[in-house]
Amino acid sequence: MVTGEVLDAGHAVQVAERLDQDNPDWIVLYGSYTREFVAFPVYPDAPDNCYCSAKDPAALDGHIRETERRTGHVRLIGPRTRRRKAGRRKA
């Protein structure tokens, strides 16, 4: 994962897409004006008006984990992991 300041907006969008894939219970975006990564929870028991933001993507991941712990959200294995395992069996 990238840490520190992300200077290239195109690269930052790719990092946001990766964070989005790694966190299936969240929508992760990169704000080109604010130069911040922003995540919105989409799981059913998410608190109203909840979001996480950070300029550093590693810090955003930490904020997401902290929010999940505070709200008692249980993270299940995401579909990305299951697809990877299913892909190996087809060979």
Protein backbone atom coordinates (compact mmCIF):
# COMPACT_ATOMS: atom_id res chain seq x y z
CA MET A 1 0.00 0.00 0.00
CA VAL A 2 1.13 3.53 -0.72
CA THR A 3 1.96 5.72 2.25
CA GLY A 4 2.79 9.38 2.44
CA GLU A 5 1.51 12.07 0.12
CA VAL A 6 0.18 10.90 -3.22
CA LEU A 7 1.09 13.53 -5.79
CA ASP A 8 -0.29 12.09 -9.03
CA ALA A 9 -4.11 12.22 -9.18
CA GLY A 10 -4.25 9.29 -11.63
CA HIS A 11 -2.21 7.15 -9.27
CA ALA A 12 -4.37 8.26 -6.33
CA VAL A 13 -7.50 7.09 -8.15
CA GLN A 14 -5.88 3.69 -8.69
CA VAL A 15 -5.03 3.50 -4.98
CA ALA A 16 -8.65 4.40 -4.13
CA GLU A 17 -9.90 1.66 -6.46
CA ARG A 18 -7.63 -0.84 -4.72
CA LEU A 19 -8.88 0.27 -1.28
CA ASP A 20 -12.43 -0.08 -2.59
CA GLN A 21 -11.73 -3.65 -3.71
CA ASP A 22 -10.05 -4.51 -0.41
CA ASN A 23 -13.01 -3.12 1.59
CA PRO A 24 -16.21 -4.53 0.05
CA ASP A 25 -18.38 -3.03 2.82
CA TRP A 26 -17.21 0.48 1.93
CA ILE A 27 -17.24 2.80 -1.09
CA VAL A 28 -13.83 4.45 -1.37
CA LEU A 29 -13.25 7.54 -3.53
CA TYR A 30 -10.45 10.01 -4.12
CA GLY A 31 -11.34 13.70 -4.07
CA SER A 32 -9.12 15.48 -6.58
CA TYR A 33 -9.99 18.91 -5.14
CA THR A 34 -9.47 18.02 -1.47
CA ARG A 35 -6.73 15.49 -2.30
CA GLU A 36 -8.21 13.15 0.28
CA PHE A 37 -9.36 9.56 0.24
CA VAL A 38 -12.94 9.26 1.50
CA ALA A 39 -14.78 6.07 2.49
CA PHE A 40 -18.51 5.60 3.10
CA PRO A 41 -19.81 2.43 4.79
CA VAL A 42 -22.49 0.52 2.89
CA TYR A 43 -23.07 -2.35 5.32
CA PRO A 44 -26.64 -2.60 6.70
CA ASP A 45 -25.92 -1.59 10.31
CA ALA A 46 -23.64 1.36 9.44
CA PRO A 47 -24.28 4.47 11.51
CA ASP A 48 -26.03 7.38 9.81
CA ASN A 49 -23.82 10.19 8.49
CA CYS A 50 -20.68 8.09 8.92
CA TYR A 51 -17.60 8.44 6.74
CA CYS A 52 -13.83 8.29 7.03
CA SER A 53 -11.30 10.51 5.29
CA ALA A 54 -7.54 10.88 5.18
CA LYS A 55 -4.84 12.24 2.90
CA ASP A 56 -2.78 9.07 3.44
CA PRO A 57 -4.38 5.84 2.14
CA ALA A 58 -2.78 3.76 4.90
CA ALA A 59 -4.34 6.07 7.47
CA LEU A 60 -7.73 5.71 5.77
CA ASP A 61 -7.49 1.94 6.08
CA GLY A 62 -6.82 2.38 9.80
CA HIS A 63 -9.81 4.73 10.15
CA ILE A 64 -12.02 2.15 8.43
CA ARG A 65 -10.90 -0.61 10.83
CA GLU A 66 -11.44 1.68 13.84
CA THR A 67 -14.95 2.61 12.67
CA GLU A 68 -15.80 -1.07 12.19
CA ARG A 69 -14.56 -1.87 15.70
CA ARG A 70 -16.52 1.01 17.27
CA THR A 71 -19.77 0.02 15.53
CA GLY A 72 -19.34 -3.71 16.18
CA HIS A 73 -19.22 -4.54 12.47
CA VAL A 74 -17.99 -8.07 11.77
CA ARG A 75 -15.93 -8.28 8.61
CA LEU A 76 -16.58 -11.39 6.54
CA ILE A 77 -14.41 -12.80 3.77
CA GLY A 78 -15.06 -10.63 0.73
CA PRO A 79 -16.05 -11.86 -2.73
CA ARG A 80 -12.60 -10.97 -4.08
CA THR A 81 -10.98 -13.72 -2.00
CA ARG A 82 -13.58 -16.29 -3.03
CA ARG A 83 -13.11 -15.46 -6.72
CA ARG A 84 -9.37 -15.95 -6.43
CA LYS A 85 -9.79 -19.42 -4.92
CA ALA A 86 -12.43 -20.38 -7.49
CA GLY A 87 -10.10 -19.24 -10.29
CA ARG A 88 -7.37 -21.61 -9.11
CA ARG A 89 -9.64 -24.64 -9.30
CA LYS A 90 -10.44 -24.09 -12.99
CA ALA A 91 -6.84 -24.76 -14.05
